[in-house]
Amino acid sequence: MQEQLALIAGTCLVGALLGGCAGAPRLETVTERLPPAGAAAGACLQACADALRACQRACEADYRDCLARVEPGVNEHYRQALERHAQALERYRRTLTDYRFDFWLGWYGDSGGFAYHPWAWGPYWGAPSWSYAPPPPVPAYEEVANAYRQAQCGADCGCQTADDACFRGCGGRIETRSRCVENCPQEGTRPQ
């Protein structure tokens, strides 16, 4: 009888623990634009849409001009990234050489020597001989070029902020709310 009670209690405990591990609810923010009613409001909203398109066209033109201006510097920026990589690779080579020398001298326990390193500094102290850190990766041209272009030309033009202000000026409302998309509580208790 006691064994059955212990089994039932253990099963209930495991069930309670597993049921409580579902995780916190994941929420996403939803933005709704509620337009005003009326003919005058429709004309105002059309003016806002026209202003948004004009802003986006100007922003795209500015972006293309910026890309044309910074494109000659992309190769120079990549060359600098390769120089930084060469420096990092040299530091890696020196560290690895020091490590191998220390290992050769028997200062690491896995080679039959002492169980400690007499000068306890360096990133690989105490690591076994087979656990070398990988060398730094060679920077990819496209990744470096895209990051440089984004840093130089990727600023937001503010078109959406201006359009939101225009929309509100016409009498529209913009509402944001959170909604549960994963690990939601029961249907009646969802946050709105």
C-alpha atoms as a PDB file:
ATOM      1  CA  MET A   1       0.000   0.000   0.000  1.00  0.00           C
ATOM      2  CA  GLN A   2       2.752   2.441   0.915  1.00  0.00           C
ATOM      3  CA  GLU A   3       4.578   1.612  -2.308  1.00  0.00           C
ATOM      4  CA  GLN A   4       1.470   2.482  -4.316  1.00  0.00           C
ATOM      5  CA  LEU A   5       1.072   5.779  -2.479  1.00  0.00           C
ATOM      6  CA  ALA A   6       4.739   6.598  -3.045  1.00  0.00           C
ATOM      7  CA  LEU A   7       4.363   5.791  -6.750  1.00  0.00           C
ATOM      8  CA  ILE A   8       1.266   7.975  -7.065  1.00  0.00           C
ATOM      9  CA  ALA A   9       2.923  10.833  -5.155  1.00  0.00           C
ATOM     10  CA  GLY A  10       6.062  10.544  -7.317  1.00  0.00           C
ATOM     11  CA  THR A  11       3.979  10.555 -10.506  1.00  0.00           C
ATOM     12  CA  CYS A  12       2.066  13.633  -9.331  1.00  0.00           C
ATOM     13  CA  LEU A  13       5.297  15.408  -8.411  1.00  0.00           C
ATOM     14  CA  VAL A  14       6.874  14.698 -11.808  1.00  0.00           C
ATOM     15  CA  GLY A  15       3.687  15.823 -13.565  1.00  0.00           C
ATOM     16  CA  ALA A  16       3.597  19.054 -11.569  1.00  0.00           C
ATOM     17  CA  LEU A  17       7.243  19.774 -12.286  1.00  0.00           C
ATOM     18  CA  LEU A  18       6.916  19.096 -16.001  1.00  0.00           C
ATOM     19  CA  GLY A  19       3.700  21.093 -16.216  1.00  0.00           C
ATOM     20  CA  GLY A  20       5.390  24.092 -14.634  1.00  0.00           C
ATOM     21  CA  CYS A  21       8.265  24.053 -17.125  1.00  0.00           C
ATOM     22  CA  ALA A  22       6.287  25.228 -20.131  1.00  0.00           C
ATOM     23  CA  GLY A  23       7.986  28.614 -20.016  1.00  0.00           C
ATOM     24  CA  ALA A  24       6.774  32.155 -19.852  1.00  0.00           C
ATOM     25  CA  PRO A  25       4.262  33.406 -22.392  1.00  0.00           C
ATOM     26  CA  ARG A  26       5.808  34.992 -25.480  1.00  0.00           C
ATOM     27  CA  LEU A  27       4.140  38.240 -26.468  1.00  0.00           C
ATOM     28  CA  GLU A  28       4.300  40.246 -29.673  1.00  0.00           C
ATOM     29  CA  THR A  29       3.390  43.869 -30.153  1.00  0.00           C
ATOM     30  CA  VAL A  30       0.608  44.560 -32.649  1.00  0.00           C
ATOM     31  CA  THR A  31       0.036  48.038 -34.065  1.00  0.00           C
ATOM     32  CA  GLU A  32      -3.367  48.949 -35.452  1.00  0.00           C
ATOM     33  CA  ARG A  33      -4.089  52.079 -37.450  1.00  0.00           C
ATOM     34  CA  LEU A  34      -7.710  53.169 -36.994  1.00  0.00           C
ATOM     35  CA  PRO A  35      -8.539  55.692 -39.758  1.00  0.00           C
ATOM     36  CA  PRO A  36     -10.939  58.568 -39.218  1.00  0.00           C
ATOM     37  CA  ALA A  37     -14.301  58.622 -41.008  1.00  0.00           C
ATOM     38  CA  GLY A  38     -15.514  61.182 -43.530  1.00  0.00           C
ATOM     39  CA  ALA A  39     -14.631  62.576 -46.952  1.00  0.00           C
ATOM     40  CA  ALA A  40     -12.314  65.251 -45.566  1.00  0.00           C
ATOM     41  CA  ALA A  41     -10.442  62.605 -43.612  1.00  0.00           C
ATOM     42  CA  GLY A  42     -10.024  60.526 -46.777  1.00  0.00           C
ATOM     43  CA  ALA A  43      -8.436  63.469 -48.603  1.00  0.00           C
ATOM     44  CA  CYS A  44      -6.156  64.133 -45.619  1.00  0.00           C
ATOM     45  CA  LEU A  45      -5.093  60.482 -45.500  1.00  0.00           C
ATOM     46  CA  GLN A  46      -4.391  60.545 -49.245  1.00  0.00           C
ATOM     47  CA  ALA A  47      -2.120  63.569 -48.709  1.00  0.00           C
ATOM     48  CA  CYS A  48      -0.331  61.622 -45.950  1.00  0.00           C
ATOM     49  CA  ALA A  49       0.161  58.632 -48.253  1.00  0.00           C
ATOM     50  CA  ASP A  50       1.529  60.905 -51.000  1.00  0.00           C
ATOM     51  CA  ALA A  51       3.924  62.547 -48.533  1.00  0.00           C
ATOM     52  CA  LEU A  52       5.076  59.100 -47.342  1.00  0.00           C
ATOM     53  CA  ARG A  53       5.798  57.943 -50.912  1.00  0.00           C
ATOM     54  CA  ALA A  54       7.688  61.172 -51.673  1.00  0.00           C
ATOM     55  CA  CYS A  55       9.744  60.778 -48.477  1.00  0.00           C
ATOM     56  CA  GLN A  56      10.554  57.145 -49.323  1.00  0.00           C
ATOM     57  CA  ARG A  57      11.620  58.068 -52.877  1.00  0.00           C
ATOM     58  CA  ALA A  58      13.864  60.849 -51.549  1.00  0.00           C
ATOM     59  CA  CYS A  59      15.294  58.448 -48.960  1.00  0.00           C
ATOM     60  CA  GLU A  60      16.048  55.810 -51.609  1.00  0.00           C
ATOM     61  CA  ALA A  61      17.730  58.437 -53.818  1.00  0.00           C
ATOM     62  CA  ASP A  62      19.829  59.656 -50.873  1.00  0.00           C
ATOM     63  CA  TYR A  63      20.771  56.043 -50.080  1.00  0.00           C
ATOM     64  CA  ARG A  64      21.883  55.365 -53.659  1.00  0.00           C
ATOM     65  CA  ASP A  65      23.917  58.610 -53.662  1.00  0.00           C
ATOM     66  CA  CYS A  66      25.517  57.619 -50.361  1.00  0.00           C
ATOM     67  CA  LEU A  67      26.380  54.158 -51.686  1.00  0.00           C
ATOM     68  CA  ALA A  68      28.017  55.672 -54.749  1.00  0.00           C
ATOM     69  CA  ARG A  69      29.980  58.033 -52.495  1.00  0.00           C
ATOM     70  CA  VAL A  70      31.248  55.359 -50.075  1.00  0.00           C
ATOM     71  CA  GLU A  71      31.836  52.522 -52.568  1.00  0.00           C
ATOM     72  CA  PRO A  72      35.471  53.518 -53.218  1.00  0.00           C
ATOM     73  CA  GLY A  73      36.143  53.195 -49.478  1.00  0.00           C
ATOM     74  CA  VAL A  74      34.802  49.630 -49.261  1.00  0.00           C
ATOM     75  CA  ASN A  75      38.022  48.054 -50.545  1.00  0.00           C
ATOM     76  CA  GLU A  76      40.106  50.141 -48.136  1.00  0.00           C
ATOM     77  CA  HIS A  77      37.845  49.128 -45.265  1.00  0.00           C
ATOM     78  CA  TYR A  78      38.199  45.454 -46.252  1.00  0.00           C
ATOM     79  CA  ARG A  79      41.981  45.858 -46.437  1.00  0.00           C
ATOM     80  CA  GLN A  80      41.943  47.228 -42.872  1.00  0.00           C
ATOM     81  CA  ALA A  81      39.792  44.271 -41.777  1.00  0.00           C
ATOM     82  CA  LEU A  82      42.353  41.905 -43.303  1.00  0.00           C
ATOM     83  CA  GLU A  83      45.155  43.725 -41.437  1.00  0.00           C
ATOM     84  CA  ARG A  84      43.228  43.356 -38.153  1.00  0.00           C
ATOM     85  CA  HIS A  85      42.759  39.678 -38.977  1.00  0.00           C
ATOM     86  CA  ALA A  86      46.497  39.273 -39.657  1.00  0.00           C
ATOM     87  CA  GLN A  87      47.255  40.845 -36.264  1.00  0.00           C
ATOM     88  CA  ALA A  88      44.760  38.557 -34.537  1.00  0.00           C
ATOM     89  CA  LEU A  89      46.217  35.566 -36.380  1.00  0.00           C
ATOM     90  CA  GLU A  90      49.739  36.521 -35.250  1.00  0.00           C
ATOM     91  CA  ARG A  91      48.536  36.805 -31.626  1.00  0.00           C
ATOM     92  CA  TYR A  92      46.901  33.397 -32.011  1.00  0.00           C
ATOM     93  CA  ARG A  93      50.102  31.924 -33.485  1.00  0.00           C
ATOM     94  CA  ARG A  94      52.222  33.305 -30.629  1.00  0.00           C
ATOM     95  CA  THR A  95      49.803  32.030 -27.991  1.00  0.00           C
ATOM     96  CA  LEU A  96      49.682  28.603 -29.594  1.00  0.00           C
ATOM     97  CA  THR A  97      53.484  28.469 -29.854  1.00  0.00           C
ATOM     98  CA  ASP A  98      53.805  29.431 -26.181  1.00  0.00           C
ATOM     99  CA  TYR A  99      51.276  26.816 -25.241  1.00  0.00           C
ATOM    100  CA  ARG A 100      53.020  24.091 -27.225  1.00  0.00           C
ATOM    101  CA  PHE A 101      56.389  25.069 -25.724  1.00  0.00           C
ATOM    102  CA  ASP A 102      54.965  24.962 -22.204  1.00  0.00           C
ATOM    103  CA  PHE A 103      53.389  21.619 -22.992  1.00  0.00           C
ATOM    104  CA  TRP A 104      56.690  20.323 -24.364  1.00  0.00           C
ATOM    105  CA  LEU A 105      58.422  21.348 -21.138  1.00  0.00           C
ATOM    106  CA  GLY A 106      55.927  19.241 -19.237  1.00  0.00           C
ATOM    107  CA  TRP A 107      54.263  22.032 -17.289  1.00  0.00           C
ATOM    108  CA  TYR A 108      50.825  20.602 -18.025  1.00  0.00           C
ATOM    109  CA  GLY A 109      49.498  17.578 -16.174  1.00  0.00           C
ATOM    110  CA  ASP A 110      48.345  15.695 -19.256  1.00  0.00           C
ATOM    111  CA  SER A 111      51.912  15.269 -20.533  1.00  0.00           C
ATOM    112  CA  GLY A 112      53.221  13.583 -17.412  1.00  0.00           C
ATOM    113  CA  GLY A 113      54.707  16.767 -15.974  1.00  0.00           C
ATOM    114  CA  PHE A 114      53.581  18.976 -13.119  1.00  0.00           C
ATOM    115  CA  ALA A 115      49.847  19.342 -12.489  1.00  0.00           C
ATOM    116  CA  TYR A 116      50.049  23.119 -12.700  1.00  0.00           C
ATOM    117  CA  HIS A 117      51.540  25.819 -14.862  1.00  0.00           C
ATOM    118  CA  PRO A 118      54.265  27.733 -12.956  1.00  0.00           C
ATOM    119  CA  TRP A 119      53.304  31.025 -14.635  1.00  0.00           C
ATOM    120  CA  ALA A 120      49.524  30.846 -14.436  1.00  0.00           C
ATOM    121  CA  TRP A 121      48.566  33.236 -17.194  1.00  0.00           C
ATOM    122  CA  GLY A 122      47.324  32.837 -20.713  1.00  0.00           C
ATOM    123  CA  PRO A 123      44.026  31.682 -22.172  1.00  0.00           C
ATOM    124  CA  TYR A 124      44.845  27.981 -22.428  1.00  0.00           C
ATOM    125  CA  TRP A 125      46.203  27.288 -18.943  1.00  0.00           C
ATOM    126  CA  GLY A 126      45.351  23.806 -17.829  1.00  0.00           C
ATOM    127  CA  ALA A 127      43.645  22.785 -21.070  1.00  0.00           C
ATOM    128  CA  PRO A 128      44.506  19.392 -22.511  1.00  0.00           C
ATOM    129  CA  SER A 129      46.743  19.317 -25.563  1.00  0.00           C
ATOM    130  CA  TRP A 130      43.910  18.513 -27.962  1.00  0.00           C
ATOM    131  CA  SER A 131      41.748  21.505 -27.015  1.00  0.00           C
ATOM    132  CA  TYR A 132      43.306  24.295 -29.053  1.00  0.00           C
ATOM    133  CA  ALA A 133      41.007  27.186 -29.704  1.00  0.00           C
ATOM    134  CA  PRO A 134      40.207  27.637 -33.395  1.00  0.00           C
ATOM    135  CA  PRO A 135      42.064  30.374 -35.256  1.00  0.00           C
ATOM    136  CA  PRO A 136      40.225  33.625 -35.917  1.00  0.00           C
ATOM    137  CA  PRO A 137      38.071  33.378 -39.048  1.00  0.00           C
ATOM    138  CA  VAL A 138      39.025  35.256 -42.210  1.00  0.00           C
ATOM    139  CA  PRO A 139      36.622  38.157 -42.718  1.00  0.00           C
ATOM    140  CA  ALA A 140      34.287  37.648 -45.670  1.00  0.00           C
ATOM    141  CA  TYR A 141      34.350  40.489 -48.182  1.00  0.00           C
ATOM    142  CA  GLU A 142      30.565  40.772 -48.515  1.00  0.00           C
ATOM    143  CA  GLU A 143      30.004  40.810 -44.742  1.00  0.00           C
ATOM    144  CA  VAL A 144      32.623  43.517 -44.223  1.00  0.00           C
ATOM    145  CA  ALA A 145      31.387  45.531 -47.211  1.00  0.00           C
ATOM    146  CA  ASN A 146      27.735  45.322 -46.149  1.00  0.00           C
ATOM    147  CA  ALA A 147      28.548  46.317 -42.570  1.00  0.00           C
ATOM    148  CA  TYR A 148      30.566  49.303 -43.839  1.00  0.00           C
ATOM    149  CA  ARG A 149      27.767  50.380 -46.204  1.00  0.00           C
ATOM    150  CA  GLN A 150      25.192  50.046 -43.441  1.00  0.00           C
ATOM    151  CA  ALA A 151      27.316  52.047 -40.998  1.00  0.00           C
ATOM    152  CA  GLN A 152      27.856  54.837 -43.534  1.00  0.00           C
ATOM    153  CA  CYS A 153      24.447  54.962 -45.252  1.00  0.00           C
ATOM    154  CA  GLY A 154      21.959  53.043 -43.165  1.00  0.00           C
ATOM    155  CA  ALA A 155      20.359  55.853 -41.170  1.00  0.00           C
ATOM    156  CA  ASP A 156      16.570  55.926 -40.916  1.00  0.00           C
ATOM    157  CA  CYS A 157      15.011  58.742 -42.915  1.00  0.00           C
ATOM    158  CA  GLY A 158      12.132  59.178 -40.455  1.00  0.00           C
ATOM    159  CA  CYS A 159       9.412  58.679 -43.080  1.00  0.00           C
ATOM    160  CA  GLN A 160       7.286  56.400 -40.916  1.00  0.00           C
ATOM    161  CA  THR A 161       7.416  58.760 -37.928  1.00  0.00           C
ATOM    162  CA  ALA A 162       6.287  61.659 -40.131  1.00  0.00           C
ATOM    163  CA  ASP A 163       3.510  59.499 -41.617  1.00  0.00           C
ATOM    164  CA  ASP A 164       2.292  58.505 -38.139  1.00  0.00           C
ATOM    165  CA  ALA A 165       2.159  62.168 -37.127  1.00  0.00           C
ATOM    166  CA  CYS A 166       0.255  63.037 -40.320  1.00  0.00           C
ATOM    167  CA  PHE A 167      -2.169  60.134 -39.733  1.00  0.00           C
ATOM    168  CA  ARG A 168      -2.890  61.347 -36.206  1.00  0.00           C
ATOM    169  CA  GLY A 169      -3.243  64.914 -37.493  1.00  0.00           C
ATOM    170  CA  CYS A 170      -6.025  63.719 -39.793  1.00  0.00           C
ATOM    171  CA  GLY A 171      -7.895  62.326 -36.780  1.00  0.00           C
ATOM    172  CA  GLY A 172      -6.697  58.732 -36.980  1.00  0.00           C
ATOM    173  CA  ARG A 173      -5.644  56.664 -34.007  1.00  0.00           C
ATOM    174  CA  ILE A 174      -2.665  54.351 -33.722  1.00  0.00           C
ATOM    175  CA  GLU A 175      -3.017  51.718 -31.034  1.00  0.00           C
ATOM    176  CA  THR A 176      -0.386  49.265 -29.914  1.00  0.00           C
ATOM    177  CA  ARG A 177      -1.140  46.239 -27.796  1.00  0.00           C
ATOM    178  CA  SER A 178       0.548  43.028 -26.765  1.00  0.00           C
ATOM    179  CA  ARG A 179      -0.856  39.668 -27.728  1.00  0.00           C
ATOM    180  CA  CYS A 180       0.187  36.222 -26.619  1.00  0.00           C
ATOM    181  CA  VAL A 181       1.575  33.990 -29.373  1.00  0.00           C
ATOM    182  CA  GLU A 182       3.212  31.110 -27.458  1.00  0.00           C
ATOM    183  CA  ASN A 183       2.836  29.423 -24.051  1.00  0.00           C
ATOM    184  CA  CYS A 184      -0.351  31.404 -23.510  1.00  0.00           C
ATOM    185  CA  PRO A 185      -2.374  31.078 -20.312  1.00  0.00           C
ATOM    186  CA  GLN A 186      -5.922  29.791 -20.562  1.00  0.00           C
ATOM    187  CA  GLU A 187      -8.168  31.471 -23.108  1.00  0.00           C
ATOM    188  CA  GLY A 188     -10.061  33.581 -20.585  1.00  0.00           C
ATOM    189  CA  THR A 189      -6.896  35.064 -19.023  1.00  0.00           C
ATOM    190  CA  ARG A 190      -4.967  36.186 -22.134  1.00  0.00           C
ATOM    191  CA  PRO A 191      -3.509  39.706 -21.923  1.00  0.00           C
ATOM    192  CA  GLN A 192      -4.990  42.147 -24.399  1.00  0.00           C
END
